[in-house]
Amino acid sequence: MGGNVKFNQSGENNYSPAQETIPAGYRPVAKVNTPVAVFGGNTTFVLYAEHTGKVVMLGNPNKAYAGCTGVWRTADPMPA
């Protein structure tokens, strides 16, 4: 997965829950927090996902433009 984003807010996140969830076919197989998006640039911000699809945030987006990359194993070999 890859992309870019402009964050509108700043502030420290300490495993704060996100509103979004990962769809069933794309969820990581590990039962512990799996990094699914690591943002670079003028931000230190990581999104972690659980096997349930829950997403948690760690770090500070710093109102910045940022690129991101993420790779993880799923239980579904070909998510639709």
Protein backbone atom coordinates (compact mmCIF):
# COMPACT_ATOMS: atom_id res chain seq x y z
CA MET A 1 0.00 0.00 0.00
CA GLY A 2 1.26 3.51 -0.63
CA GLY A 3 0.00 7.04 -0.88
CA ASN A 4 0.24 10.56 0.44
CA VAL A 5 -1.83 12.77 2.71
CA LYS A 6 -2.04 16.30 4.16
CA PHE A 7 -2.75 16.14 7.89
CA ASN A 8 -4.91 18.99 9.19
CA GLN A 9 -4.10 18.54 12.87
CA SER A 10 -1.12 18.00 15.09
CA GLY A 11 -0.82 16.45 18.52
CA GLU A 12 0.72 13.40 20.11
CA ASN A 13 -1.14 10.12 19.69
CA ASN A 14 -0.34 7.35 22.15
CA TYR A 15 -2.08 4.30 20.65
CA SER A 16 -5.22 6.37 20.08
CA PRO A 17 -8.01 4.48 18.28
CA ALA A 18 -8.83 5.58 14.71
CA GLN A 19 -12.39 5.65 13.37
CA GLU A 20 -11.42 3.56 10.33
CA THR A 21 -11.14 -0.23 10.23
CA ILE A 22 -9.28 -2.47 7.80
CA PRO A 23 -11.69 -4.53 5.60
CA ALA A 24 -11.78 -8.28 6.33
CA GLY A 25 -9.67 -9.49 3.37
CA TYR A 26 -6.92 -6.95 4.09
CA ARG A 27 -6.50 -7.49 7.84
CA PRO A 28 -3.09 -8.58 9.12
CA VAL A 29 -2.77 -12.17 10.34
CA ALA A 30 -0.71 -11.27 13.43
CA LYS A 31 -2.74 -10.82 16.61
CA VAL A 32 -0.42 -8.05 17.83
CA ASN A 33 -0.17 -4.52 16.44
CA THR A 34 1.13 -4.66 12.85
CA PRO A 35 2.41 -1.41 11.29
CA VAL A 36 0.27 -0.81 8.19
CA ALA A 37 1.28 2.78 7.33
CA VAL A 38 4.53 4.51 8.18
CA PHE A 39 4.46 8.19 7.24
CA GLY A 40 7.60 10.09 6.30
CA GLY A 41 8.48 13.71 5.71
CA ASN A 42 7.79 16.34 8.39
CA THR A 43 5.89 13.90 10.59
CA THR A 44 6.56 10.98 12.89
CA PHE A 45 3.35 8.99 12.64
CA VAL A 46 2.52 5.29 12.35
CA LEU A 47 -0.78 3.44 11.95
CA TYR A 48 -1.00 -0.02 13.49
CA ALA A 49 -3.72 -2.59 12.77
CA GLU A 50 -4.94 -5.63 14.65
CA HIS A 51 -6.31 -8.89 13.21
CA THR A 52 -9.80 -7.55 14.08
CA GLY A 53 -9.35 -4.58 11.69
CA LYS A 54 -9.03 -2.04 14.50
CA VAL A 55 -6.52 0.73 13.70
CA VAL A 56 -4.52 2.65 16.31
CA MET A 57 -2.35 5.75 15.86
CA LEU A 58 1.07 6.48 17.35
CA GLY A 59 3.09 9.68 16.98
CA ASN A 60 2.40 13.23 15.81
CA PRO A 61 1.22 14.09 12.27
CA ASN A 62 2.44 17.73 12.72
CA LYS A 63 -0.06 19.25 10.22
CA ALA A 64 2.30 18.02 7.51
CA TYR A 65 2.20 16.66 3.99
CA ALA A 66 3.48 13.10 4.16
CA GLY A 67 4.02 10.07 1.99
CA CYS A 68 3.35 6.61 3.37
CA THR A 69 4.16 3.00 2.65
CA GLY A 70 2.88 -0.19 4.23
CA VAL A 71 3.16 -3.93 3.62
CA TRP A 72 1.71 -6.78 5.70
CA ARG A 73 0.61 -10.42 5.37
CA THR A 74 -3.11 -11.18 5.24
CA ALA A 75 -5.06 -14.39 5.75
CA ASP A 76 -6.66 -13.92 2.31
CA PRO A 77 -4.12 -14.59 -0.48
CA MET A 78 -6.09 -12.45 -2.98
CA PRO A 79 -8.25 -9.80 -1.27
CA ALA A 80 -11.11 -8.61 -3.48
